[in-house]
Amino acid sequence: MSKLIKPAIGLFGLLSVLTGIAYPLAVTGIARWVFPEQATGSLILADGHALGSALIGQPFNDPKYFWGRPSATSPFPYNAAASSGSNLGPLNPALLEAVGARVETIRRSDPSEARPIPANSIPVDLVTASGSGLDPHISPAGAEYQVNRVATARGLDAERVRKVVANHTEDRQFGILGEPRVNVLRLNLALDARR
């Protein structure tokens, strides 16, 4: 029996070093060499400080900023440790109530409050959470819908804000995958830089 224990312990130690230390270090090193930005979390930096990740949304509720998709994570929005959707079906009264409240918030925030905004004209991504609850993007229609509010709050011409949105609209990946999108954090940072 003791003849078997020594080799088993030796093999356990060797495999622990290979699979627990050498392999993760090699994979991390290759990832940092081949995909340096992604391997470090796709961080957006300013003056050496991380402002956020291009892959995780952030809550914005000031009228001078573009707002992202609502987040269904808990205990706070865009909690990367609790990525999840609400799991509410399309006929669930709780979902209908949440969407209704979001529509009201958007209506109240619109600078042209005098004109009634039909609920079906608000882009769906502004009132529904994504499956992960962390989506950092909105549709170009979602950005366009907010242009007047942001321009008014910043005292800018709406066309100037539209140009910033157009410059930050990403096309489909490889020209065929997904839909055009706007990264909300990058867009808001670009507007802040234009002061």
C-alpha atoms as a PDB file:
ATOM      1  CA  MET A   1       0.000   0.000   0.000  1.00  0.00           C
ATOM      2  CA  SER A   2       2.811   2.463   0.872  1.00  0.00           C
ATOM      3  CA  LYS A   3       4.318   1.819  -2.584  1.00  0.00           C
ATOM      4  CA  LEU A   4       1.158   3.283  -4.128  1.00  0.00           C
ATOM      5  CA  ILE A   5       0.774   6.294  -1.812  1.00  0.00           C
ATOM      6  CA  LYS A   6       4.170   7.899  -2.632  1.00  0.00           C
ATOM      7  CA  PRO A   7       3.642   7.921  -6.421  1.00  0.00           C
ATOM      8  CA  ALA A   8       0.015   9.060  -5.967  1.00  0.00           C
ATOM      9  CA  ILE A   9       1.095  12.028  -3.802  1.00  0.00           C
ATOM     10  CA  GLY A  10       3.879  12.873  -6.268  1.00  0.00           C
ATOM     11  CA  LEU A  11       1.491  12.711  -9.234  1.00  0.00           C
ATOM     12  CA  PHE A  12      -1.086  14.806  -7.321  1.00  0.00           C
ATOM     13  CA  GLY A  13       1.570  17.456  -6.612  1.00  0.00           C
ATOM     14  CA  LEU A  14       2.789  17.492 -10.237  1.00  0.00           C
ATOM     15  CA  LEU A  15      -0.725  17.767 -11.661  1.00  0.00           C
ATOM     16  CA  SER A  16      -1.582  20.489  -9.122  1.00  0.00           C
ATOM     17  CA  VAL A  17       1.381  22.565 -10.252  1.00  0.00           C
ATOM     18  CA  LEU A  18       0.647  21.959 -13.943  1.00  0.00           C
ATOM     19  CA  THR A  19      -3.108  22.552 -13.881  1.00  0.00           C
ATOM     20  CA  GLY A  20      -3.305  24.978 -10.970  1.00  0.00           C
ATOM     21  CA  ILE A  21      -0.305  27.226 -11.673  1.00  0.00           C
ATOM     22  CA  ALA A  22       1.477  26.627 -14.994  1.00  0.00           C
ATOM     23  CA  TYR A  23      -1.591  26.283 -17.230  1.00  0.00           C
ATOM     24  CA  PRO A  24      -3.469  29.358 -15.843  1.00  0.00           C
ATOM     25  CA  LEU A  25      -0.308  31.473 -16.066  1.00  0.00           C
ATOM     26  CA  ALA A  26       0.312  30.357 -19.665  1.00  0.00           C
ATOM     27  CA  VAL A  27      -3.287  31.026 -20.741  1.00  0.00           C
ATOM     28  CA  THR A  28      -3.298  34.433 -19.019  1.00  0.00           C
ATOM     29  CA  GLY A  29       0.033  35.352 -20.605  1.00  0.00           C
ATOM     30  CA  ILE A  30      -1.150  34.362 -24.083  1.00  0.00           C
ATOM     31  CA  ALA A  31      -4.442  36.235 -23.595  1.00  0.00           C
ATOM     32  CA  ARG A  32      -2.603  39.404 -22.521  1.00  0.00           C
ATOM     33  CA  TRP A  33      -0.343  39.138 -25.543  1.00  0.00           C
ATOM     34  CA  VAL A  34      -3.038  38.347 -28.146  1.00  0.00           C
ATOM     35  CA  PHE A  35      -5.972  40.335 -26.649  1.00  0.00           C
ATOM     36  CA  PRO A  36      -4.406  42.897 -24.283  1.00  0.00           C
ATOM     37  CA  GLU A  37      -7.491  45.122 -23.876  1.00  0.00           C
ATOM     38  CA  GLN A  38      -9.976  42.284 -23.374  1.00  0.00           C
ATOM     39  CA  ALA A  39      -7.706  40.353 -20.993  1.00  0.00           C
ATOM     40  CA  THR A  40      -7.669  43.284 -18.596  1.00  0.00           C
ATOM     41  CA  GLY A  41     -11.455  43.744 -18.615  1.00  0.00           C
ATOM     42  CA  SER A  42     -11.856  46.193 -21.536  1.00  0.00           C
ATOM     43  CA  LEU A  43     -11.351  49.051 -19.073  1.00  0.00           C
ATOM     44  CA  ILE A  44     -11.944  52.642 -20.117  1.00  0.00           C
ATOM     45  CA  LEU A  45      -9.169  54.741 -18.588  1.00  0.00           C
ATOM     46  CA  ALA A  46      -8.716  58.466 -18.076  1.00  0.00           C
ATOM     47  CA  ASP A  47      -5.589  59.887 -16.454  1.00  0.00           C
ATOM     48  CA  GLY A  48      -4.619  56.380 -15.364  1.00  0.00           C
ATOM     49  CA  HIS A  49      -7.913  55.800 -13.511  1.00  0.00           C
ATOM     50  CA  ALA A  50     -10.481  53.210 -14.552  1.00  0.00           C
ATOM     51  CA  LEU A  51     -13.820  54.870 -15.273  1.00  0.00           C
ATOM     52  CA  GLY A  52     -15.587  51.626 -16.096  1.00  0.00           C
ATOM     53  CA  SER A  53     -15.604  48.745 -18.521  1.00  0.00           C
ATOM     54  CA  ALA A  54     -16.768  48.876 -22.116  1.00  0.00           C
ATOM     55  CA  LEU A  55     -18.498  45.553 -21.418  1.00  0.00           C
ATOM     56  CA  ILE A  56     -20.589  46.454 -18.351  1.00  0.00           C
ATOM     57  CA  GLY A  57     -23.243  49.155 -18.253  1.00  0.00           C
ATOM     58  CA  GLN A  58     -23.381  51.881 -15.637  1.00  0.00           C
ATOM     59  CA  PRO A  59     -26.360  53.689 -14.187  1.00  0.00           C
ATOM     60  CA  PHE A  60     -26.935  57.212 -15.502  1.00  0.00           C
ATOM     61  CA  ASN A  61     -29.981  59.206 -14.426  1.00  0.00           C
ATOM     62  CA  ASP A  62     -28.870  62.818 -14.849  1.00  0.00           C
ATOM     63  CA  PRO A  63     -30.735  64.423 -17.798  1.00  0.00           C
ATOM     64  CA  LYS A  64     -27.437  65.595 -19.336  1.00  0.00           C
ATOM     65  CA  TYR A  65     -26.362  61.984 -19.884  1.00  0.00           C
ATOM     66  CA  PHE A  66     -27.648  59.297 -22.190  1.00  0.00           C
ATOM     67  CA  TRP A  67     -29.322  56.543 -20.204  1.00  0.00           C
ATOM     68  CA  GLY A  68     -28.599  52.883 -20.834  1.00  0.00           C
ATOM     69  CA  ARG A  69     -30.868  49.891 -20.672  1.00  0.00           C
ATOM     70  CA  PRO A  70     -32.491  49.272 -17.307  1.00  0.00           C
ATOM     71  CA  SER A  71     -30.710  46.653 -15.210  1.00  0.00           C
ATOM     72  CA  ALA A  72     -32.473  43.798 -13.445  1.00  0.00           C
ATOM     73  CA  THR A  73     -29.506  42.874 -11.231  1.00  0.00           C
ATOM     74  CA  SER A  74     -29.708  43.115  -7.468  1.00  0.00           C
ATOM     75  CA  PRO A  75     -29.096  44.510  -4.906  1.00  0.00           C
ATOM     76  CA  PHE A  76     -28.064  47.432  -7.156  1.00  0.00           C
ATOM     77  CA  PRO A  77     -28.160  48.087 -10.932  1.00  0.00           C
ATOM     78  CA  TYR A  78     -25.338  46.752 -13.118  1.00  0.00           C
ATOM     79  CA  ASN A  79     -24.011  44.489 -10.363  1.00  0.00           C
ATOM     80  CA  ALA A  80     -21.538  42.319 -12.299  1.00  0.00           C
ATOM     81  CA  ALA A  81     -21.492  39.754  -9.468  1.00  0.00           C
ATOM     82  CA  ALA A  82     -25.231  39.134  -9.909  1.00  0.00           C
ATOM     83  CA  SER A  83     -25.697  39.112 -13.675  1.00  0.00           C
ATOM     84  CA  SER A  84     -29.223  38.056 -14.494  1.00  0.00           C
ATOM     85  CA  GLY A  85     -32.446  39.092 -16.120  1.00  0.00           C
ATOM     86  CA  SER A  86     -35.740  39.499 -14.330  1.00  0.00           C
ATOM     87  CA  ASN A  87     -37.117  36.206 -15.728  1.00  0.00           C
ATOM     88  CA  LEU A  88     -40.531  37.846 -16.008  1.00  0.00           C
ATOM     89  CA  GLY A  89     -42.625  36.699 -18.965  1.00  0.00           C
ATOM     90  CA  PRO A  90     -44.180  39.181 -21.415  1.00  0.00           C
ATOM     91  CA  LEU A  91     -47.617  38.849 -19.807  1.00  0.00           C
ATOM     92  CA  ASN A  92     -46.407  39.052 -16.206  1.00  0.00           C
ATOM     93  CA  PRO A  93     -48.121  41.968 -14.408  1.00  0.00           C
ATOM     94  CA  ALA A  94     -44.854  42.844 -12.599  1.00  0.00           C
ATOM     95  CA  LEU A  95     -43.059  43.302 -15.927  1.00  0.00           C
ATOM     96  CA  LEU A  96     -45.902  45.392 -17.334  1.00  0.00           C
ATOM     97  CA  GLU A  97     -45.845  47.546 -14.191  1.00  0.00           C
ATOM     98  CA  ALA A  98     -42.042  48.000 -14.348  1.00  0.00           C
ATOM     99  CA  VAL A  99     -42.138  48.928 -18.042  1.00  0.00           C
ATOM    100  CA  GLY A 100     -45.022  51.331 -17.374  1.00  0.00           C
ATOM    101  CA  ALA A 101     -43.006  53.062 -14.637  1.00  0.00           C
ATOM    102  CA  ARG A 102     -39.994  53.348 -16.966  1.00  0.00           C
ATOM    103  CA  VAL A 103     -42.172  54.830 -19.710  1.00  0.00           C
ATOM    104  CA  GLU A 104     -43.470  57.436 -17.236  1.00  0.00           C
ATOM    105  CA  THR A 105     -39.906  58.310 -16.156  1.00  0.00           C
ATOM    106  CA  ILE A 106     -38.885  58.821 -19.781  1.00  0.00           C
ATOM    107  CA  ARG A 107     -41.983  60.901 -20.488  1.00  0.00           C
ATOM    108  CA  ARG A 108     -41.299  63.166 -17.483  1.00  0.00           C
ATOM    109  CA  SER A 109     -37.656  63.623 -18.501  1.00  0.00           C
ATOM    110  CA  ASP A 110     -38.441  64.740 -22.066  1.00  0.00           C
ATOM    111  CA  PRO A 111     -37.859  68.494 -22.584  1.00  0.00           C
ATOM    112  CA  SER A 112     -40.817  68.680 -24.933  1.00  0.00           C
ATOM    113  CA  GLU A 113     -43.163  67.605 -22.153  1.00  0.00           C
ATOM    114  CA  ALA A 114     -46.003  69.589 -23.734  1.00  0.00           C
ATOM    115  CA  ARG A 115     -46.366  67.054 -26.522  1.00  0.00           C
ATOM    116  CA  PRO A 116     -47.710  63.648 -25.479  1.00  0.00           C
ATOM    117  CA  ILE A 117     -45.287  60.816 -26.173  1.00  0.00           C
ATOM    118  CA  PRO A 118     -47.028  57.621 -27.232  1.00  0.00           C
ATOM    119  CA  ALA A 119     -45.651  54.642 -25.304  1.00  0.00           C
ATOM    120  CA  ASN A 120     -45.061  52.730 -28.554  1.00  0.00           C
ATOM    121  CA  SER A 121     -42.680  55.443 -29.835  1.00  0.00           C
ATOM    122  CA  ILE A 122     -40.176  54.844 -27.013  1.00  0.00           C
ATOM    123  CA  PRO A 123     -37.514  52.347 -28.176  1.00  0.00           C
ATOM    124  CA  VAL A 124     -37.984  49.062 -26.358  1.00  0.00           C
ATOM    125  CA  ASP A 125     -34.359  48.915 -25.164  1.00  0.00           C
ATOM    126  CA  LEU A 126     -34.930  52.013 -23.004  1.00  0.00           C
ATOM    127  CA  VAL A 127     -37.683  50.329 -20.980  1.00  0.00           C
ATOM    128  CA  THR A 128     -36.671  46.644 -20.852  1.00  0.00           C
ATOM    129  CA  ALA A 129     -33.650  45.044 -19.222  1.00  0.00           C
ATOM    130  CA  SER A 130     -31.293  42.798 -21.160  1.00  0.00           C
ATOM    131  CA  GLY A 131     -30.884  39.119 -20.334  1.00  0.00           C
ATOM    132  CA  SER A 132     -27.687  39.777 -18.384  1.00  0.00           C
ATOM    133  CA  GLY A 133     -28.794  43.041 -16.781  1.00  0.00           C
ATOM    134  CA  LEU A 134     -25.344  44.423 -17.663  1.00  0.00           C
ATOM    135  CA  ASP A 135     -25.718  45.512 -21.293  1.00  0.00           C
ATOM    136  CA  PRO A 136     -23.549  48.619 -21.895  1.00  0.00           C
ATOM    137  CA  HIS A 137     -25.181  49.425 -25.251  1.00  0.00           C
ATOM    138  CA  ILE A 138     -28.368  50.985 -26.519  1.00  0.00           C
ATOM    139  CA  SER A 139     -29.723  51.004 -30.038  1.00  0.00           C
ATOM    140  CA  PRO A 140     -29.147  54.027 -32.296  1.00  0.00           C
ATOM    141  CA  ALA A 141     -32.918  54.605 -32.013  1.00  0.00           C
ATOM    142  CA  GLY A 142     -32.580  54.642 -28.219  1.00  0.00           C
ATOM    143  CA  ALA A 143     -29.813  57.227 -28.486  1.00  0.00           C
ATOM    144  CA  GLU A 144     -31.745  59.330 -31.009  1.00  0.00           C
ATOM    145  CA  TYR A 145     -34.765  59.335 -28.719  1.00  0.00           C
ATOM    146  CA  GLN A 146     -32.657  60.950 -25.973  1.00  0.00           C
ATOM    147  CA  VAL A 147     -30.825  63.539 -28.104  1.00  0.00           C
ATOM    148  CA  ASN A 148     -33.205  66.432 -27.384  1.00  0.00           C
ATOM    149  CA  ARG A 149     -33.154  65.842 -23.624  1.00  0.00           C
ATOM    150  CA  VAL A 150     -29.347  65.644 -23.491  1.00  0.00           C
ATOM    151  CA  ALA A 151     -28.880  68.653 -25.804  1.00  0.00           C
ATOM    152  CA  THR A 152     -31.282  70.774 -23.746  1.00  0.00           C
ATOM    153  CA  ALA A 153     -29.677  69.765 -20.429  1.00  0.00           C
ATOM    154  CA  ARG A 154     -26.189  70.575 -21.758  1.00  0.00           C
ATOM    155  CA  GLY A 155     -27.199  73.729 -23.613  1.00  0.00           C
ATOM    156  CA  LEU A 156     -25.980  72.278 -26.909  1.00  0.00           C
ATOM    157  CA  ASP A 157     -27.439  72.203 -30.387  1.00  0.00           C
ATOM    158  CA  ALA A 158     -29.225  68.882 -31.016  1.00  0.00           C
ATOM    159  CA  GLU A 159     -27.369  68.400 -34.316  1.00  0.00           C
ATOM    160  CA  ARG A 160     -24.037  68.643 -32.515  1.00  0.00           C
ATOM    161  CA  VAL A 161     -25.145  65.925 -30.096  1.00  0.00           C
ATOM    162  CA  ARG A 162     -26.383  63.787 -33.024  1.00  0.00           C
ATOM    163  CA  LYS A 163     -22.910  63.992 -34.590  1.00  0.00           C
ATOM    164  CA  VAL A 164     -21.339  62.710 -31.371  1.00  0.00           C
ATOM    165  CA  VAL A 165     -23.869  59.847 -31.338  1.00  0.00           C
ATOM    166  CA  ALA A 166     -23.101  59.041 -34.996  1.00  0.00           C
ATOM    167  CA  ASN A 167     -19.355  58.997 -34.234  1.00  0.00           C
ATOM    168  CA  HIS A 168     -19.951  56.510 -31.414  1.00  0.00           C
ATOM    169  CA  THR A 169     -22.344  54.192 -33.228  1.00  0.00           C
ATOM    170  CA  GLU A 170     -20.709  50.802 -33.721  1.00  0.00           C
ATOM    171  CA  ASP A 171     -21.678  48.760 -36.767  1.00  0.00           C
ATOM    172  CA  ARG A 172     -22.558  45.084 -36.791  1.00  0.00           C
ATOM    173  CA  GLN A 173     -19.673  42.827 -35.871  1.00  0.00           C
ATOM    174  CA  PHE A 174     -17.946  41.670 -39.065  1.00  0.00           C
ATOM    175  CA  GLY A 175     -20.707  43.541 -40.892  1.00  0.00           C
ATOM    176  CA  ILE A 176     -23.271  40.760 -40.315  1.00  0.00           C
ATOM    177  CA  LEU A 177     -23.508  39.823 -36.611  1.00  0.00           C
ATOM    178  CA  GLY A 178     -25.795  41.642 -34.194  1.00  0.00           C
ATOM    179  CA  GLU A 179     -27.246  45.083 -34.629  1.00  0.00           C
ATOM    180  CA  PRO A 180     -25.718  48.582 -34.721  1.00  0.00           C
ATOM    181  CA  ARG A 181     -25.228  49.849 -31.161  1.00  0.00           C
ATOM    182  CA  VAL A 182     -23.976  52.740 -29.070  1.00  0.00           C
ATOM    183  CA  ASN A 183     -21.809  52.245 -25.978  1.00  0.00           C
ATOM    184  CA  VAL A 184     -23.438  54.536 -23.398  1.00  0.00           C
ATOM    185  CA  LEU A 185     -20.344  55.094 -21.217  1.00  0.00           C
ATOM    186  CA  ARG A 186     -18.108  55.971 -24.177  1.00  0.00           C
ATOM    187  CA  LEU A 187     -20.790  58.302 -25.564  1.00  0.00           C
ATOM    188  CA  ASN A 188     -21.246  60.123 -22.239  1.00  0.00           C
ATOM    189  CA  LEU A 189     -17.484  60.471 -21.766  1.00  0.00           C
ATOM    190  CA  ALA A 190     -17.192  61.934 -25.284  1.00  0.00           C
ATOM    191  CA  LEU A 191     -19.885  64.499 -24.459  1.00  0.00           C
ATOM    192  CA  ASP A 192     -18.127  65.416 -21.205  1.00  0.00           C
ATOM    193  CA  ALA A 193     -14.872  65.897 -23.134  1.00  0.00           C
ATOM    194  CA  ARG A 194     -16.539  68.407 -25.503  1.00  0.00           C
ATOM    195  CA  ARG A 195     -17.079  71.073 -22.814  1.00  0.00           C
END
